[in-house]
C-alpha atoms as a PDB file:
ATOM      1  CA  MET A   1      18.898  -9.280 -19.137  1.00  0.00           C
ATOM      2  CA  ALA A   2      16.632  -9.444 -22.204  1.00  0.00           C
ATOM      3  CA  THR A   3      16.672  -5.652 -22.571  1.00  0.00           C
ATOM      4  CA  ALA A   4      14.399  -5.329 -25.604  1.00  0.00           C
ATOM      5  CA  GLU A   5      11.912  -7.887 -24.308  1.00  0.00           C
ATOM      6  CA  PHE A   6      11.740  -6.168 -20.908  1.00  0.00           C
ATOM      7  CA  GLY A   7      10.909  -2.839 -22.560  1.00  0.00           C
ATOM      8  CA  LYS A   8       8.314  -4.419 -24.848  1.00  0.00           C
ATOM      9  CA  ALA A   9       6.631  -6.088 -21.888  1.00  0.00           C
ATOM     10  CA  VAL A  10       6.462  -2.840 -19.908  1.00  0.00           C
ATOM     11  CA  ARG A  11       5.007  -0.982 -22.892  1.00  0.00           C
ATOM     12  CA  ARG A  12       2.494  -3.753 -23.636  1.00  0.00           C
ATOM     13  CA  TRP A  13       1.282  -3.877 -20.043  1.00  0.00           C
ATOM     14  CA  ARG A  14       1.225  -0.075 -19.763  1.00  0.00           C
ATOM     15  CA  ASP A  15      -1.120   0.107 -22.756  1.00  0.00           C
ATOM     16  CA  ARG A  16      -3.644  -2.200 -21.133  1.00  0.00           C
ATOM     17  CA  VAL A  17      -4.048  -0.263 -17.831  1.00  0.00           C
ATOM     18  CA  PRO A  18      -6.691   2.475 -18.129  1.00  0.00           C
ATOM     19  CA  PRO A  19      -5.862   5.489 -15.950  1.00  0.00           C
ATOM     20  CA  GLU A  20      -9.083   5.223 -13.953  1.00  0.00           C
ATOM     21  CA  ALA A  21      -8.116   1.674 -12.948  1.00  0.00           C
ATOM     22  CA  ALA A  22      -4.954   3.112 -11.369  1.00  0.00           C
ATOM     23  CA  GLY A  23      -6.893   5.807  -9.509  1.00  0.00           C
ATOM     24  CA  LEU A  24      -6.039   8.535 -12.024  1.00  0.00           C
ATOM     25  CA  PRO A  25      -8.455  10.775 -13.934  1.00  0.00           C
ATOM     26  CA  ALA A  26      -8.959   9.940 -17.601  1.00  0.00           C
ATOM     27  CA  GLY A  27      -9.194  13.601 -18.663  1.00  0.00           C
ATOM     28  CA  GLY A  28      -7.611  14.924 -21.832  1.00  0.00           C
ATOM     29  CA  GLN A  29      -7.347  13.353 -25.249  1.00  0.00           C
ATOM     30  CA  ARG A  30      -5.134  10.287 -25.338  1.00  0.00           C
ATOM     31  CA  ARG A  31      -3.388   8.460 -28.131  1.00  0.00           C
ATOM     32  CA  ALA A  32      -4.046   5.178 -26.342  1.00  0.00           C
ATOM     33  CA  ALA A  33      -6.374   3.950 -23.626  1.00  0.00           C
ATOM     34  CA  GLY A  34      -3.563   2.974 -21.261  1.00  0.00           C
ATOM     35  CA  LEU A  35      -1.265   4.850 -18.925  1.00  0.00           C
ATOM     36  CA  ARG A  36       1.008   7.579 -20.188  1.00  0.00           C
ATOM     37  CA  ARG A  37       4.691   7.206 -19.471  1.00  0.00           C
ATOM     38  CA  GLU A  38       4.600  10.052 -16.965  1.00  0.00           C
ATOM     39  CA  GLU A  39       1.701   8.378 -15.159  1.00  0.00           C
ATOM     40  CA  LEU A  40       3.522   5.061 -14.929  1.00  0.00           C
ATOM     41  CA  ALA A  41       6.621   6.887 -13.706  1.00  0.00           C
ATOM     42  CA  MET A  42       4.615   8.667 -11.009  1.00  0.00           C
ATOM     43  CA  LEU A  43       2.913   5.472  -9.834  1.00  0.00           C
ATOM     44  CA  ALA A  44       6.196   3.557  -9.761  1.00  0.00           C
ATOM     45  CA  GLY A  45       8.216   6.352  -8.139  1.00  0.00           C
ATOM     46  CA  ILE A  46      10.818   6.547 -10.922  1.00  0.00           C
ATOM     47  CA  SER A  47      11.654   9.208 -13.498  1.00  0.00           C
ATOM     48  CA  VAL A  48       9.881   9.534 -16.836  1.00  0.00           C
ATOM     49  CA  ASP A  49      13.272   9.457 -18.563  1.00  0.00           C
ATOM     50  CA  TYR A  50      14.064   6.119 -16.946  1.00  0.00           C
ATOM     51  CA  VAL A  51      10.722   4.648 -18.034  1.00  0.00           C
ATOM     52  CA  THR A  52      11.439   5.858 -21.574  1.00  0.00           C
ATOM     53  CA  ARG A  53      14.907   4.314 -21.608  1.00  0.00           C
ATOM     54  CA  LEU A  54      13.585   1.033 -20.224  1.00  0.00           C
ATOM     55  CA  GLU A  55      10.869   0.818 -22.858  1.00  0.00           C
ATOM     56  CA  GLN A  56      13.300   1.667 -25.636  1.00  0.00           C
ATOM     57  CA  GLY A  57      15.845  -0.908 -24.447  1.00  0.00           C
ATOM     58  CA  ARG A  58      18.447   1.765 -23.611  1.00  0.00           C
ATOM     59  CA  ALA A  59      18.549   1.058 -19.846  1.00  0.00           C
ATOM     60  CA  THR A  60      19.884  -2.178 -18.452  1.00  0.00           C
ATOM     61  CA  ASN A  61      19.895  -3.959 -15.115  1.00  0.00           C
ATOM     62  CA  PRO A  62      16.962  -2.341 -13.298  1.00  0.00           C
ATOM     63  CA  SER A  63      17.046  -3.086  -9.589  1.00  0.00           C
ATOM     64  CA  GLY A  64      14.624  -5.458  -7.952  1.00  0.00           C
ATOM     65  CA  GLN A  65      13.002  -2.483  -6.251  1.00  0.00           C
ATOM     66  CA  VAL A  66      12.343  -0.812  -9.617  1.00  0.00           C
ATOM     67  CA  VAL A  67      10.949  -4.017 -11.134  1.00  0.00           C
ATOM     68  CA  GLU A  68       8.692  -4.506  -8.106  1.00  0.00           C
ATOM     69  CA  ALA A  69       7.442  -0.921  -8.370  1.00  0.00           C
ATOM     70  CA  LEU A  70       6.714  -1.312 -12.093  1.00  0.00           C
ATOM     71  CA  ALA A  71       4.899  -4.605 -11.521  1.00  0.00           C
ATOM     72  CA  ARG A  72       2.757  -2.967  -8.855  1.00  0.00           C
ATOM     73  CA  ALA A  73       1.976   0.121 -10.959  1.00  0.00           C
ATOM     74  CA  LEU A  74       1.125  -2.074 -13.951  1.00  0.00           C
ATOM     75  CA  ARG A  75      -1.149  -4.230 -11.789  1.00  0.00           C
ATOM     76  CA  LEU A  76       0.552  -7.427 -12.844  1.00  0.00           C
ATOM     77  CA  SER A  77      -0.588 -10.822 -11.664  1.00  0.00           C
ATOM     78  CA  GLU A  78       1.835 -12.898  -9.613  1.00  0.00           C
ATOM     79  CA  GLU A  79       2.796 -14.891 -12.718  1.00  0.00           C
ATOM     80  CA  GLU A  80       3.340 -11.741 -14.812  1.00  0.00           C
ATOM     81  CA  ARG A  81       5.358 -10.189 -11.998  1.00  0.00           C
ATOM     82  CA  GLY A  82       7.625 -13.242 -11.918  1.00  0.00           C
ATOM     83  CA  HIS A  83       8.031 -13.021 -15.693  1.00  0.00           C
ATOM     84  CA  LEU A  84       9.042  -9.357 -15.485  1.00  0.00           C
ATOM     85  CA  PHE A  85      11.674 -10.166 -12.867  1.00  0.00           C
ATOM     86  CA  ARG A  86      13.101 -12.905 -15.070  1.00  0.00           C
ATOM     87  CA  LEU A  87      13.174 -10.561 -18.087  1.00  0.00           C
ATOM     88  CA  ALA A  88      15.250  -8.215 -15.898  1.00  0.00           C
ATOM     89  CA  GLY A  89      17.665 -11.060 -15.187  1.00  0.00           C
ATOM     90  CA  LEU A  90      16.512 -11.312 -11.571  1.00  0.00           C
ATOM     91  CA  ALA A  91      14.955 -14.027  -9.469  1.00  0.00           C
ATOM     92  CA  PRO A  92      11.478 -13.130  -8.204  1.00  0.00           C
ATOM     93  CA  PRO A  93      11.535 -12.194  -4.499  1.00  0.00           C
ATOM     94  CA  GLY A  94      11.298 -15.210  -2.230  1.00  0.00           C
ATOM     95  CA  PRO A  95       9.868 -15.743   1.249  1.00  0.00           C
ATOM     96  CA  GLU A  96      13.085 -14.458   2.857  1.00  0.00           C
ATOM     97  CA  THR A  97      12.398 -10.863   1.754  1.00  0.00           C
ATOM     98  CA  VAL A  98       9.737  -8.409   2.903  1.00  0.00           C
ATOM     99  CA  PRO A  99       6.652  -9.013   0.701  1.00  0.00           C
ATOM    100  CA  ALA A 100       5.681  -6.149  -1.578  1.00  0.00           C
ATOM    101  CA  PHE A 101       3.126  -7.855  -3.817  1.00  0.00           C
ATOM    102  CA  ILE A 102      -0.371  -6.377  -3.647  1.00  0.00           C
ATOM    103  CA  THR A 103      -2.835  -9.180  -4.185  1.00  0.00           C
ATOM    104  CA  PRO A 104      -5.787  -8.735  -6.575  1.00  0.00           C
ATOM    105  CA  SER A 105      -8.202  -8.826  -3.625  1.00  0.00           C
ATOM    106  CA  VAL A 106      -6.417  -5.937  -1.892  1.00  0.00           C
ATOM    107  CA  GLN A 107      -6.297  -4.058  -5.198  1.00  0.00           C
ATOM    108  CA  ARG A 108     -10.057  -4.503  -5.623  1.00  0.00           C
ATOM    109  CA  LEU A 109     -10.540  -3.137  -2.111  1.00  0.00           C
ATOM    110  CA  LEU A 110      -8.534  -0.032  -3.015  1.00  0.00           C
ATOM    111  CA  ASP A 111     -10.478   0.402  -6.246  1.00  0.00           C
ATOM    112  CA  ARG A 112     -13.720   0.607  -4.296  1.00  0.00           C
ATOM    113  CA  LEU A 113     -12.501   3.162  -1.746  1.00  0.00           C
ATOM    114  CA  THR A 114     -12.388   6.010  -4.228  1.00  0.00           C
ATOM    115  CA  GLU A 115     -13.513   8.683  -1.750  1.00  0.00           C
ATOM    116  CA  THR A 116     -11.490   7.475   1.236  1.00  0.00           C
ATOM    117  CA  PRO A 117      -7.784   8.192   1.806  1.00  0.00           C
ATOM    118  CA  VAL A 118      -6.034   4.809   1.711  1.00  0.00           C
ATOM    119  CA  ALA A 119      -2.377   3.800   1.477  1.00  0.00           C
ATOM    120  CA  VAL A 120      -0.732   0.376   1.504  1.00  0.00           C
ATOM    121  CA  PHE A 121       2.627  -0.216   3.200  1.00  0.00           C
ATOM    122  CA  ASP A 122       4.815  -3.286   3.518  1.00  0.00           C
ATOM    123  CA  ALA A 123       5.819  -4.847   6.846  1.00  0.00           C
ATOM    124  CA  CYS A 124       8.614  -2.305   7.426  1.00  0.00           C
ATOM    125  CA  TRP A 125       6.384   0.682   6.549  1.00  0.00           C
ATOM    126  CA  THR A 126       7.604   1.357   3.021  1.00  0.00           C
ATOM    127  CA  LEU A 127       4.825   2.944   0.982  1.00  0.00           C
ATOM    128  CA  LEU A 128       3.679   0.692  -1.848  1.00  0.00           C
ATOM    129  CA  VAL A 129       0.673   2.560  -3.219  1.00  0.00           C
ATOM    130  CA  ALA A 130      -1.582   5.463  -2.254  1.00  0.00           C
ATOM    131  CA  ASN A 131      -4.885   6.478  -3.798  1.00  0.00           C
ATOM    132  CA  ALA A 132      -5.842   9.978  -4.940  1.00  0.00           C
ATOM    133  CA  PRO A 133      -7.626  11.046  -1.708  1.00  0.00           C
ATOM    134  CA  TYR A 134      -4.593   9.993   0.360  1.00  0.00           C
ATOM    135  CA  VAL A 135      -2.310  12.028  -1.909  1.00  0.00           C
ATOM    136  CA  ALA A 136      -4.680  15.004  -1.654  1.00  0.00           C
ATOM    137  CA  LEU A 137      -4.740  14.747   2.148  1.00  0.00           C
ATOM    138  CA  THR A 138      -1.014  14.281   2.755  1.00  0.00           C
ATOM    139  CA  GLY A 139       0.725  15.401  -0.417  1.00  0.00           C
ATOM    140  CA  GLU A 140       1.006  19.123   0.255  1.00  0.00           C
ATOM    141  CA  GLN A 141       2.490  18.439   3.681  1.00  0.00           C
ATOM    142  CA  GLN A 142       4.783  15.568   2.703  1.00  0.00           C
ATOM    143  CA  GLY A 143       5.310  15.935  -1.031  1.00  0.00           C
ATOM    144  CA  ASP A 144       3.648  13.631  -3.540  1.00  0.00           C
ATOM    145  CA  PRO A 145       4.038  10.110  -2.098  1.00  0.00           C
ATOM    146  CA  HIS A 146       4.407   8.669  -5.590  1.00  0.00           C
ATOM    147  CA  ALA A 147       7.392  10.907  -6.314  1.00  0.00           C
ATOM    148  CA  ARG A 148       9.480   9.716  -3.371  1.00  0.00           C
ATOM    149  CA  ARG A 149      12.641   7.708  -3.929  1.00  0.00           C
ATOM    150  CA  GLY A 150      14.376   5.046  -1.848  1.00  0.00           C
ATOM    151  CA  ASN A 151      14.089   5.502   1.909  1.00  0.00           C
ATOM    152  CA  GLU A 152      11.909   8.584   1.406  1.00  0.00           C
ATOM    153  CA  ARG A 153       9.067   6.113   0.833  1.00  0.00           C
ATOM    154  CA  ASN A 154       9.614   4.533   4.256  1.00  0.00           C
ATOM    155  CA  GLY A 155       7.454   5.833   7.102  1.00  0.00           C
ATOM    156  CA  VAL A 156       9.946   4.938   9.849  1.00  0.00           C
ATOM    157  CA  TRP A 157      12.804   6.712   8.048  1.00  0.00           C
ATOM    158  CA  ARG A 158      10.618   9.756   7.393  1.00  0.00           C
ATOM    159  CA  HIS A 159       9.620   9.950  11.049  1.00  0.00           C
ATOM    160  CA  PHE A 160      13.096   9.687  12.565  1.00  0.00           C
ATOM    161  CA  LEU A 161      15.316  11.132   9.811  1.00  0.00           C
ATOM    162  CA  GLY A 162      13.015  12.914   7.398  1.00  0.00           C
ATOM    163  CA  PRO A 163      10.238  15.518   7.446  1.00  0.00           C
ATOM    164  CA  GLY A 164       7.712  13.450   9.417  1.00  0.00           C
ATOM    165  CA  ASN A 165       4.119  12.953   8.318  1.00  0.00           C
ATOM    166  CA  GLY A 166       2.511  16.310   9.082  1.00  0.00           C
ATOM    167  CA  ALA A 167       0.080  14.974  11.702  1.00  0.00           C
ATOM    168  CA  ARG A 168      -0.388  16.548  15.127  1.00  0.00           C
ATOM    169  CA  ARG A 169      -0.164  14.217  18.145  1.00  0.00           C
ATOM    170  CA  THR A 170      -0.039  14.616  21.906  1.00  0.00           C
ATOM    171  CA  PRO A 171       3.388  13.925  23.478  1.00  0.00           C
ATOM    172  CA  GLN A 172       2.145  10.567  24.810  1.00  0.00           C
ATOM    173  CA  ALA A 173       0.636   9.617  21.451  1.00  0.00           C
ATOM    174  CA  GLN A 174       3.950  10.545  19.817  1.00  0.00           C
ATOM    175  CA  ARG A 175       5.870   8.269  22.183  1.00  0.00           C
ATOM    176  CA  ASP A 176       3.424   5.433  21.594  1.00  0.00           C
ATOM    177  CA  HIS A 177       3.679   5.933  17.832  1.00  0.00           C
ATOM    178  CA  GLU A 178       7.480   5.822  17.892  1.00  0.00           C
ATOM    179  CA  ALA A 179       7.518   2.683  20.038  1.00  0.00           C
ATOM    180  CA  ALA A 180       5.099   0.977  17.650  1.00  0.00           C
ATOM    181  CA  LEU A 181       7.205   1.912  14.613  1.00  0.00           C
ATOM    182  CA  VAL A 182      10.373   0.517  16.171  1.00  0.00           C
ATOM    183  CA  ALA A 183       8.578  -2.619  17.345  1.00  0.00           C
ATOM    184  CA  ASP A 184       7.177  -3.196  13.842  1.00  0.00           C
ATOM    185  CA  LEU A 185      10.620  -2.835  12.299  1.00  0.00           C
ATOM    186  CA  ARG A 186      12.153  -5.235  14.823  1.00  0.00           C
ATOM    187  CA  ALA A 187       9.414  -7.791  14.140  1.00  0.00           C
ATOM    188  CA  ALA A 188       9.994  -7.476  10.394  1.00  0.00           C
ATOM    189  CA  ALA A 189      13.747  -7.964  10.875  1.00  0.00           C
ATOM    190  CA  GLU A 190      13.046 -11.145  12.838  1.00  0.00           C
ATOM    191  CA  ARG A 191      10.697 -12.503  10.152  1.00  0.00           C
ATOM    192  CA  TYR A 192      12.948 -11.560   7.222  1.00  0.00           C
ATOM    193  CA  PRO A 193      16.551 -11.782   8.482  1.00  0.00           C
ATOM    194  CA  ALA A 194      17.945 -12.214   4.953  1.00  0.00           C
ATOM    195  CA  ASP A 195      16.427  -9.001   3.592  1.00  0.00           C
ATOM    196  CA  ARG A 196      19.456  -6.811   2.898  1.00  0.00           C
ATOM    197  CA  ARG A 197      17.441  -3.671   2.164  1.00  0.00           C
ATOM    198  CA  LEU A 198      15.785  -3.944   5.567  1.00  0.00           C
ATOM    199  CA  ARG A 199      19.142  -4.426   7.283  1.00  0.00           C
ATOM    200  CA  ARG A 200      20.526  -1.316   5.564  1.00  0.00           C
ATOM    201  CA  LEU A 201      17.481   0.693   6.637  1.00  0.00           C
ATOM    202  CA  ILE A 202      17.900  -0.313  10.287  1.00  0.00           C
ATOM    203  CA  ALA A 203      21.631   0.448  10.203  1.00  0.00           C
ATOM    204  CA  GLU A 204      20.988   3.907   8.756  1.00  0.00           C
ATOM    205  CA  LEU A 205      18.320   4.646  11.361  1.00  0.00           C
ATOM    206  CA  ARG A 206      20.531   3.543  14.249  1.00  0.00           C
ATOM    207  CA  ALA A 207      23.426   5.628  12.973  1.00  0.00           C
ATOM    208  CA  GLY A 208      21.384   8.732  12.159  1.00  0.00           C
ATOM    209  CA  SER A 209      18.785   8.974  14.921  1.00  0.00           C
ATOM    210  CA  GLU A 210      19.620   8.936  18.619  1.00  0.00           C
ATOM    211  CA  ARG A 211      15.927   8.494  19.429  1.00  0.00           C
ATOM    212  CA  PHE A 212      15.596   5.452  17.172  1.00  0.00           C
ATOM    213  CA  ALA A 213      18.811   3.934  18.520  1.00  0.00           C
ATOM    214  CA  GLU A 214      17.594   4.486  22.095  1.00  0.00           C
ATOM    215  CA  LEU A 215      14.274   2.765  21.418  1.00  0.00           C
ATOM    216  CA  TRP A 216      15.893  -0.038  19.420  1.00  0.00           C
ATOM    217  CA  ASP A 217      18.510  -0.802  22.075  1.00  0.00           C
ATOM    218  CA  ALA A 218      15.846  -0.682  24.802  1.00  0.00           C
ATOM    219  CA  GLY A 219      13.772  -3.284  22.960  1.00  0.00           C
ATOM    220  CA  ALA A 220      10.782  -0.953  22.630  1.00  0.00           C
ATOM    221  CA  VAL A 221       7.445  -2.702  22.296  1.00  0.00           C
ATOM    222  CA  GLY A 222       4.153  -1.327  21.108  1.00  0.00           C
ATOM    223  CA  ARG A 223       1.424  -1.717  18.542  1.00  0.00           C
ATOM    224  CA  HIS A 224      -0.594   0.586  16.336  1.00  0.00           C
ATOM    225  CA  GLU A 225      -3.982   1.421  17.756  1.00  0.00           C
ATOM    226  CA  ALA A 226      -6.877   3.220  16.125  1.00  0.00           C
ATOM    227  CA  SER A 227      -6.182   6.917  16.629  1.00  0.00           C
ATOM    228  CA  HIS A 228      -7.321  10.455  15.926  1.00  0.00           C
ATOM    229  CA  LYS A 229      -5.000  12.602  13.836  1.00  0.00           C
ATOM    230  CA  THR A 230      -5.218  16.287  13.021  1.00  0.00           C
ATOM    231  CA  ILE A 231      -3.612  17.314   9.755  1.00  0.00           C
ATOM    232  CA  ASP A 232      -3.158  21.034   9.103  1.00  0.00           C
ATOM    233  CA  HIS A 233      -3.897  21.244   5.421  1.00  0.00           C
ATOM    234  CA  PRO A 234      -2.895  24.496   3.675  1.00  0.00           C
ATOM    235  CA  ARG A 235      -5.965  24.514   1.414  1.00  0.00           C
ATOM    236  CA  VAL A 236      -8.847  23.534   3.694  1.00  0.00           C
ATOM    237  CA  GLY A 237      -7.469  24.048   7.200  1.00  0.00           C
ATOM    238  CA  PRO A 238      -7.166  21.511  10.035  1.00  0.00           C
ATOM    239  CA  VAL A 239      -8.812  18.126   9.416  1.00  0.00           C
ATOM    240  CA  THR A 240      -9.280  15.717  12.325  1.00  0.00           C
ATOM    241  CA  LEU A 241      -9.711  12.132  11.185  1.00  0.00           C
ATOM    242  CA  ASP A 242      -9.814   8.605  12.508  1.00  0.00           C
ATOM    243  CA  CYS A 243      -6.804   6.563  11.387  1.00  0.00           C
ATOM    244  CA  ASP A 244      -7.037   2.772  11.321  1.00  0.00           C
ATOM    245  CA  VAL A 245      -4.286   0.348  10.309  1.00  0.00           C
ATOM    246  CA  LEU A 246      -5.465  -2.996   8.929  1.00  0.00           C
ATOM    247  CA  THR A 247      -3.147  -5.981   8.482  1.00  0.00           C
ATOM    248  CA  VAL A 248      -3.485  -8.301   5.499  1.00  0.00           C
ATOM    249  CA  ALA A 249      -3.152 -11.896   6.621  1.00  0.00           C
ATOM    250  CA  GLY A 250      -0.682 -13.856   4.525  1.00  0.00           C
ATOM    251  CA  GLY A 251       0.648 -10.841   2.634  1.00  0.00           C
ATOM    252  CA  ASP A 252       2.134  -8.943   5.595  1.00  0.00           C
ATOM    253  CA  LEU A 253       0.787  -5.651   4.271  1.00  0.00           C
ATOM    254  CA  ARG A 254      -0.458  -2.645   6.242  1.00  0.00           C
ATOM    255  CA  ILE A 255      -3.504  -0.744   4.959  1.00  0.00           C
ATOM    256  CA  MET A 256      -3.844   2.752   6.425  1.00  0.00           C
ATOM    257  CA  VAL A 257      -7.342   4.234   6.191  1.00  0.00           C
ATOM    258  CA  TYR A 258      -8.466   7.750   7.127  1.00  0.00           C
ATOM    259  CA  THR A 259     -12.159   8.436   7.764  1.00  0.00           C
ATOM    260  CA  ALA A 260     -14.238  11.297   9.172  1.00  0.00           C
ATOM    261  CA  GLU A 261     -17.411  11.138  11.215  1.00  0.00           C
ATOM    262  CA  PRO A 262     -20.345  11.692   8.832  1.00  0.00           C
ATOM    263  CA  GLY A 263     -22.057  15.059   8.984  1.00  0.00           C
ATOM    264  CA  THR A 264     -19.114  16.876  10.561  1.00  0.00           C
ATOM    265  CA  GLU A 265     -17.057  19.786   9.276  1.00  0.00           C
ATOM    266  CA  ASP A 266     -14.115  17.390   9.021  1.00  0.00           C
ATOM    267  CA  ALA A 267     -16.147  15.166   6.673  1.00  0.00           C
ATOM    268  CA  GLU A 268     -16.944  18.197   4.508  1.00  0.00           C
ATOM    269  CA  ARG A 269     -13.285  19.226   4.372  1.00  0.00           C
ATOM    270  CA  LEU A 270     -12.224  15.690   3.491  1.00  0.00           C
ATOM    271  CA  ALA A 271     -14.776  15.577   0.663  1.00  0.00           C
ATOM    272  CA  LEU A 272     -13.498  18.915  -0.632  1.00  0.00           C
ATOM    273  CA  LEU A 273      -9.926  17.645  -0.497  1.00  0.00           C
ATOM    274  CA  THR A 274     -10.880  14.636  -2.590  1.00  0.00           C
ATOM    275  CA  VAL A 275     -12.378  16.876  -5.276  1.00  0.00           C
ATOM    276  CA  LEU A 276      -9.390  19.245  -5.254  1.00  0.00           C
ATOM    277  CA  GLY A 277      -6.948  16.347  -5.417  1.00  0.00           C
ATOM    278  CA  THR A 278      -8.691  14.833  -8.456  1.00  0.00           C
ATOM    279  CA  GLN A 279      -8.606  18.183 -10.235  1.00  0.00           C
ATOM    280  CA  ASP A 280      -4.898  18.572  -9.509  1.00  0.00           C
ATOM    281  CA  LEU A 281      -4.154  15.147 -10.974  1.00  0.00           C
ATOM    282  CA  VAL A 282      -5.637  16.025 -14.374  1.00  0.00           C
ATOM    283  CA  GLY A 283      -2.652  16.697 -16.610  1.00  0.00           C
ATOM    284  CA  PRO A 284      -2.295  18.229 -20.065  1.00  0.00           C
ATOM    285  CA  ALA A 285      -3.535  16.279 -23.047  1.00  0.00           C
ATOM    286  CA  THR A 286      -0.937  14.292 -24.964  1.00  0.00           C
END
């Protein structure tokens, strides 16, 4: 690995990303126009200390998952992403692994939905990126999505082995949701049989969750439909929203979008959440 060159590249690309382009407020006086180290760490789901050591050339052999997360947080093009992988001494992910690259067109879509909770997941429901309204809506129930590590970022793992997602569902809707999650994971395993991280995830779920193992062994089938979800938010109370899951053709990404019917109390609470979430994201000046 070209340790020094990797760190220089991360620092150079960090300096060119303005915080507002990454969905973060630009408040406070800054030494540079780009992201702070703590902001990059939050967006990539790694520690600030690790970002510091990478940039200073004191950390070696970052995993492919870390490099992918940095490339995504830094909004690298496909060519730049490949270059960062090679600087880390790794081959860029090929077609045999679950895609995690967010295309510029999808990124532009996210940039325009500044008042709508939106999150992007890969084909096995690992969170790739979430905007500020999504964090404001779900963060206090689930913990900051950007701060999660490893399998904690995976929606299937969180449902069957973790704290869940904080949404209220009817028993039938819960069963349908679980069947759809298992069916999605099975489909991903069939499309990407060489993805070792996906195989480890499935093995852990089968070993740790009787419910998952039951559905997996039964060959559960299902698909995600547009649904209503009620989230009990500690700051604004219950918010009932429409949840739609959009699939990106060619990239195998899942875009989750929450919306409220205009003119309703739920729409007012969602708007308030967006404002509160933006205020919470403003950090101290550095």
